[in-house]
Protein backbone atom coordinates (compact mmCIF):
# COMPACT_ATOMS: atom_id res chain seq x y z
CA UNK A 1 0.00 0.00 0.00
CA UNK A 2 2.81 2.35 0.90
CA UNK A 3 4.58 1.53 -2.36
CA UNK A 4 1.41 2.25 -4.37
CA UNK A 5 0.91 5.56 -2.57
CA UNK A 6 4.56 6.47 -3.15
CA UNK A 7 4.18 5.58 -6.84
CA UNK A 8 1.07 7.73 -7.20
CA UNK A 9 2.76 10.66 -5.45
CA UNK A 10 5.81 10.24 -7.64
CA UNK A 11 3.67 10.22 -10.79
CA UNK A 12 1.77 13.31 -9.64
CA UNK A 13 5.04 15.10 -8.86
CA UNK A 14 6.40 14.16 -12.28
CA UNK A 15 3.23 15.41 -13.96
CA UNK A 16 3.41 18.69 -12.03
CA UNK A 17 7.06 19.07 -13.00
CA UNK A 18 6.26 18.43 -16.68
CA UNK A 19 3.31 20.83 -16.49
CA UNK A 20 5.55 23.49 -14.94
CA UNK A 21 8.15 23.07 -17.67
CA UNK A 22 5.42 23.28 -20.32
CA UNK A 23 3.96 26.41 -18.69
CA UNK A 24 7.37 28.10 -18.61
CA UNK A 25 8.00 27.15 -22.22
CA UNK A 26 4.52 28.39 -23.20
CA UNK A 27 5.13 31.70 -21.43
CA UNK A 28 8.46 32.12 -23.25
CA UNK A 29 6.93 31.25 -26.63
CA UNK A 30 4.05 33.64 -25.96
CA UNK A 31 6.50 36.40 -25.05
CA UNK A 32 8.53 35.74 -28.21
CA UNK A 33 5.37 35.75 -30.32
CA UNK A 34 4.23 39.00 -28.69
CA UNK A 35 7.64 40.59 -29.25
CA UNK A 36 7.58 39.37 -32.84
CA UNK A 37 4.12 40.88 -33.42
CA UNK A 38 5.21 44.16 -31.85
CA UNK A 39 8.32 44.11 -34.00
CA UNK A 40 6.25 43.55 -37.14
CA UNK A 41 3.84 46.30 -36.04
CA UNK A 42 6.76 48.68 -35.52
CA UNK A 43 8.18 47.72 -38.90
CA UNK A 44 4.75 48.08 -40.50
CA UNK A 45 4.20 51.43 -38.84
CA UNK A 46 7.66 52.59 -39.86
CA UNK A 47 7.10 51.31 -43.38
CA UNK A 48 3.82 53.18 -43.69
CA UNK A 49 5.41 56.35 -42.33
CA UNK A 50 8.29 56.05 -44.80
CA UNK A 51 5.79 55.68 -47.63
CA UNK A 52 3.88 58.77 -46.52
CA UNK A 53 7.07 60.82 -46.24
CA UNK A 54 8.19 59.50 -49.63
CA UNK A 55 4.83 60.56 -51.08
CA UNK A 56 5.20 64.08 -49.69
CA UNK A 57 8.74 64.24 -51.04
CA UNK A 58 7.51 63.24 -54.50
CA UNK A 59 4.79 65.87 -54.35
CA UNK A 60 7.20 68.67 -53.46
CA UNK A 61 9.70 67.59 -56.10
CA UNK A 62 6.94 67.55 -58.71
CA UNK A 63 5.66 70.90 -57.48
CA UNK A 64 9.14 72.39 -57.84
CA UNK A 65 9.22 71.29 -61.46
CA UNK A 66 5.76 72.69 -62.06
CA UNK A 67 6.65 75.97 -60.35
CA UNK A 68 9.68 76.34 -62.61
CA UNK A 69 7.53 75.84 -65.71
CA UNK A 70 4.88 78.29 -64.52
CA UNK A 71 7.43 80.89 -63.43
CA UNK A 72 9.13 80.63 -66.82
CA UNK A 73 5.76 81.18 -68.40
CA UNK A 74 5.04 84.28 -66.31
CA UNK A 75 8.48 85.80 -66.71
CA UNK A 76 9.20 84.99 -70.36
CA UNK A 77 7.48 83.95 -73.53
CA UNK A 78 4.69 81.86 -72.05
CA UNK A 79 3.66 80.69 -75.50
CA UNK A 80 6.50 78.19 -75.19
CA UNK A 81 4.99 76.75 -72.00
CA UNK A 82 1.92 74.53 -72.19
CA UNK A 83 0.80 75.50 -68.71
CA UNK A 84 -2.59 73.83 -69.07
CA UNK A 85 -1.00 70.49 -69.85
CA UNK A 86 1.59 70.88 -67.09
CA UNK A 87 -1.05 71.83 -64.53
CA UNK A 88 -3.34 68.98 -65.57
CA UNK A 89 -0.57 66.42 -65.27
CA UNK A 90 0.36 67.79 -61.85
CA UNK A 91 -3.19 67.69 -60.48
CA UNK A 92 -3.69 64.15 -61.78
CA UNK A 93 -0.43 63.19 -60.10
CA UNK A 94 -1.61 64.80 -56.84
CA UNK A 95 -4.87 62.82 -56.91
CA UNK A 96 -3.04 59.54 -57.50
CA UNK A 97 -0.43 60.22 -54.83
CA UNK A 98 -3.01 61.20 -52.21
CA UNK A 99 -5.08 58.10 -52.95
CA UNK A 100 -2.01 55.90 -52.47
CA UNK A 101 -1.00 57.59 -49.20
CA UNK A 102 -4.45 57.46 -47.58
CA UNK A 103 -5.11 53.94 -48.84
CA UNK A 104 -2.00 52.81 -46.99
CA UNK A 105 -2.83 54.73 -43.81
CA UNK A 106 -6.51 53.74 -43.65
CA UNK A 107 -5.86 50.19 -44.94
CA UNK A 108 -8.82 50.56 -47.24
CA UNK A 109 -8.96 51.61 -50.89
CA UNK A 110 -9.42 55.38 -51.05
CA UNK A 111 -10.84 57.41 -53.91
CA UNK A 112 -9.78 61.02 -54.45
CA UNK A 113 -11.44 63.79 -56.40
CA UNK A 114 -10.71 67.47 -56.93
CA UNK A 115 -13.93 69.44 -57.27
CA UNK A 116 -14.04 73.14 -58.12
CA UNK A 117 -16.66 75.84 -57.70
CA UNK A 118 -18.24 76.91 -60.99
CA UNK A 119 -20.90 79.49 -61.93
CA UNK A 120 -24.54 78.55 -61.35
CA UNK A 121 -27.12 77.56 -63.87
CA UNK A 122 -27.98 81.16 -64.82
CA UNK A 123 -26.57 84.63 -64.31
CA UNK A 124 -29.10 85.52 -61.62
CA UNK A 125 -28.40 82.41 -59.56
CA UNK A 126 -25.71 83.16 -56.97
CA UNK A 127 -25.74 79.63 -55.57
CA UNK A 128 -22.25 78.08 -55.96
CA UNK A 129 -22.17 74.97 -58.11
CA UNK A 130 -19.65 72.15 -57.85
CA UNK A 131 -18.04 70.07 -60.59
CA UNK A 132 -15.44 67.29 -60.53
CA UNK A 133 -12.34 68.13 -62.58
CA UNK A 134 -9.86 65.45 -61.51
CA UNK A 135 -9.90 61.96 -60.00
CA UNK A 136 -7.24 59.42 -59.17
CA UNK A 137 -6.86 56.89 -61.96
CA UNK A 138 -8.51 53.98 -60.09
CA UNK A 139 -11.66 55.84 -59.07
CA UNK A 140 -11.80 57.47 -62.51
CA UNK A 141 -12.08 54.02 -64.06
CA UNK A 142 -14.80 53.05 -61.57
CA UNK A 143 -16.83 56.27 -61.38
CA UNK A 144 -16.34 58.17 -64.61
CA UNK A 145 -19.78 58.86 -65.99
CA UNK A 146 -21.63 58.07 -62.74
CA UNK A 147 -21.89 61.77 -61.89
CA UNK A 148 -21.99 63.19 -65.41
CA UNK A 149 -25.78 63.50 -65.32
CA UNK A 150 -25.64 65.19 -61.90
CA UNK A 151 -22.83 67.71 -62.38
CA UNK A 152 -22.44 70.51 -61.95
CA UNK A 153 -24.70 70.40 -58.90
CA UNK A 154 -25.69 73.10 -56.38
CA UNK A 155 -23.27 73.00 -53.49
CA UNK A 156 -26.05 72.70 -50.88
CA UNK A 157 -26.87 69.23 -52.25
CA UNK A 158 -23.70 67.93 -50.56
CA UNK A 159 -24.00 68.41 -46.81
CA UNK A 160 -20.28 68.28 -46.03
CA UNK A 161 -19.33 70.81 -48.71
CA UNK A 162 -22.17 73.13 -47.77
CA UNK A 163 -21.23 73.08 -44.07
CA UNK A 164 -17.56 73.65 -44.83
CA UNK A 165 -18.10 76.66 -47.05
CA UNK A 166 -20.63 78.10 -44.61
CA UNK A 167 -18.06 77.87 -41.80
CA UNK A 168 -14.92 78.62 -43.83
CA UNK A 169 -13.78 81.22 -41.30
CA UNK A 170 -13.19 78.51 -38.70
CA UNK A 171 -13.22 75.04 -40.32
CA UNK A 172 -11.43 73.90 -43.46
CA UNK A 173 -11.75 70.16 -43.08
CA UNK A 174 -14.55 67.80 -42.14
CA UNK A 175 -14.35 64.02 -41.68
CA UNK A 176 -17.27 61.60 -41.36
CA UNK A 177 -16.50 57.94 -40.67
CA UNK A 178 -20.02 56.47 -40.74
CA UNK A 179 -22.28 58.32 -43.14
CA UNK A 180 -24.97 55.63 -43.06
CA UNK A 181 -25.62 56.56 -39.45
CA UNK A 182 -25.74 60.28 -40.25
CA UNK A 183 -29.40 60.94 -40.95
CA UNK A 184 -28.66 64.54 -41.96
CA UNK A 185 -26.16 63.70 -44.69
CA UNK A 186 -27.15 64.44 -48.28
CA UNK A 187 -25.32 63.64 -51.52
CA UNK A 188 -26.30 64.26 -55.17
CA UNK A 189 -26.15 60.50 -55.63
CA UNK A 190 -28.75 58.87 -53.44
CA UNK A 191 -27.00 55.52 -53.77
CA UNK A 192 -23.62 56.94 -52.62
CA UNK A 193 -23.41 54.15 -50.03
CA UNK A 194 -22.67 51.72 -52.87
CA UNK A 195 -19.29 53.42 -53.19
CA UNK A 196 -18.34 54.80 -49.77
CA UNK A 197 -19.35 55.13 -46.14
CA UNK A 198 -16.54 57.40 -44.92
CA UNK A 199 -15.60 60.75 -46.40
CA UNK A 200 -13.09 63.53 -45.75
CA UNK A 201 -13.45 66.93 -47.42
CA UNK A 202 -10.90 69.76 -47.34
CA UNK A 203 -11.39 73.27 -48.73
CA UNK A 204 -8.98 74.31 -51.47
CA UNK A 205 -8.00 77.90 -50.75
CA UNK A 206 -5.30 80.21 -49.47
CA UNK A 207 -4.01 78.56 -46.24
CA UNK A 208 -2.68 81.89 -44.98
CA UNK A 209 -5.97 83.78 -45.16
CA UNK A 210 -8.72 81.49 -43.94
CA UNK A 211 -12.03 82.67 -45.32
CA UNK A 212 -14.55 81.98 -48.02
CA UNK A 213 -13.11 84.60 -50.39
CA UNK A 214 -10.11 82.48 -51.40
CA UNK A 215 -11.91 79.13 -51.69
CA UNK A 216 -11.69 77.57 -55.16
CA UNK A 217 -13.16 74.15 -54.45
CA UNK A 218 -12.88 70.93 -52.46
CA UNK A 219 -10.40 68.10 -52.10
CA UNK A 220 -12.42 64.95 -51.40
CA UNK A 221 -11.42 61.43 -50.38
CA UNK A 222 -13.59 58.48 -49.37
CA UNK A 223 -13.47 54.77 -48.60
CA UNK A 224 -15.97 52.04 -47.87
CA UNK A 225 -15.20 50.49 -44.51
CA UNK A 226 -12.15 51.61 -42.56
CA UNK A 227 -12.68 55.33 -42.17
CA UNK A 228 -9.93 57.84 -41.45
CA UNK A 229 -7.72 58.82 -38.56
CA UNK A 230 -8.84 62.40 -37.97
CA UNK A 231 -5.56 64.07 -37.03
CA UNK A 232 -3.25 62.52 -39.62
CA UNK A 233 -5.84 62.79 -42.41
CA UNK A 234 -6.51 66.45 -41.65
CA UNK A 235 -2.78 67.26 -41.77
CA UNK A 236 -2.20 65.39 -45.02
CA UNK A 237 -5.21 66.95 -46.73
CA UNK A 238 -4.05 70.41 -45.65
CA UNK A 239 -0.66 69.87 -47.30
CA UNK A 240 -2.11 68.51 -50.53
CA UNK A 241 -4.86 71.13 -50.80
CA UNK A 242 -2.36 73.98 -50.36
CA UNK A 243 -0.30 72.57 -53.21
CA UNK A 244 -3.39 72.30 -55.39
CA UNK A 245 -4.37 75.89 -54.57
CA UNK A 246 -1.04 77.35 -55.66
CA UNK A 247 -1.13 75.34 -58.87
CA UNK A 248 -4.63 76.61 -59.71
CA UNK A 249 -3.67 80.17 -58.77
CA UNK A 250 -0.59 80.19 -61.00
CA UNK A 251 -2.53 78.64 -63.89
CA UNK A 252 -5.26 81.27 -63.51
CA UNK A 253 -2.62 84.04 -63.63
CA UNK A 254 -1.17 82.59 -66.84
CA UNK A 255 -4.60 82.24 -68.39
CA UNK A 256 -5.43 85.85 -67.53
CA UNK A 257 -2.16 87.02 -69.05
CA UNK A 258 -2.86 84.98 -72.17
CA UNK A 259 -6.27 86.66 -72.57
CA UNK A 260 -4.75 90.10 -72.05
CA UNK A 261 -2.11 89.38 -74.68
CA UNK A 262 -4.73 88.25 -77.17
CA UNK A 263 -6.76 91.42 -76.54
CA UNK A 264 -3.69 93.61 -76.98
CA UNK A 265 -2.76 91.82 -80.18
CA UNK A 266 -6.28 92.24 -81.56
CA UNK A 267 -6.15 95.99 -80.88
């Protein structure tokens, strides 16, 4: 009896020892797995940050080239500079670059559009109208033509744009991450939810003089599921919209000079 009891105790002790070793090994493996995940997260975070910084670097390099072309046009014989083509290429590049940056940050495919304010339907109508002029290449392939029967549309038909322009003295960016739950949201397309549920809109205007007077349009980005981090998205949109504004401003100056030259020549 004593031998049986001793054997049982010995077996129990052995099992406890094996269980202890297994527990220690499990804890170590769990710690290594956790450290590995954190390491991958740090690498992923660093990789995403490097991509964002690389995107901003590409934008500023491209803007420098555009600025040189536009400055040459303003200071010399601008007939040698196809400023419309240069500006168009730059704005298309901006839309593609912004879509890539925010797709990476939000981890959901983002669509970008540059919409400008245009005159209303008749001379007596002072209501601002909105029209899409540029899209990133992916959303252009998906959405080109979907809005053609709706644009240009009165600005008040898009709640986010209307609210932004109405409060341009204090707010230049608005972000909504669950539009389906926003009963007050309106969009020219009633079936907008087929394409997106989150949207971020930034005014395009002079960043140094906040106010409705300098606003030329809207920089818009949306995605379907993930939404946007408010702080980082607001900062990135501010940078991109400022770049767009200066491009549009310089192009407008060249166009005005071209008209004046044609008038002078005709006289």
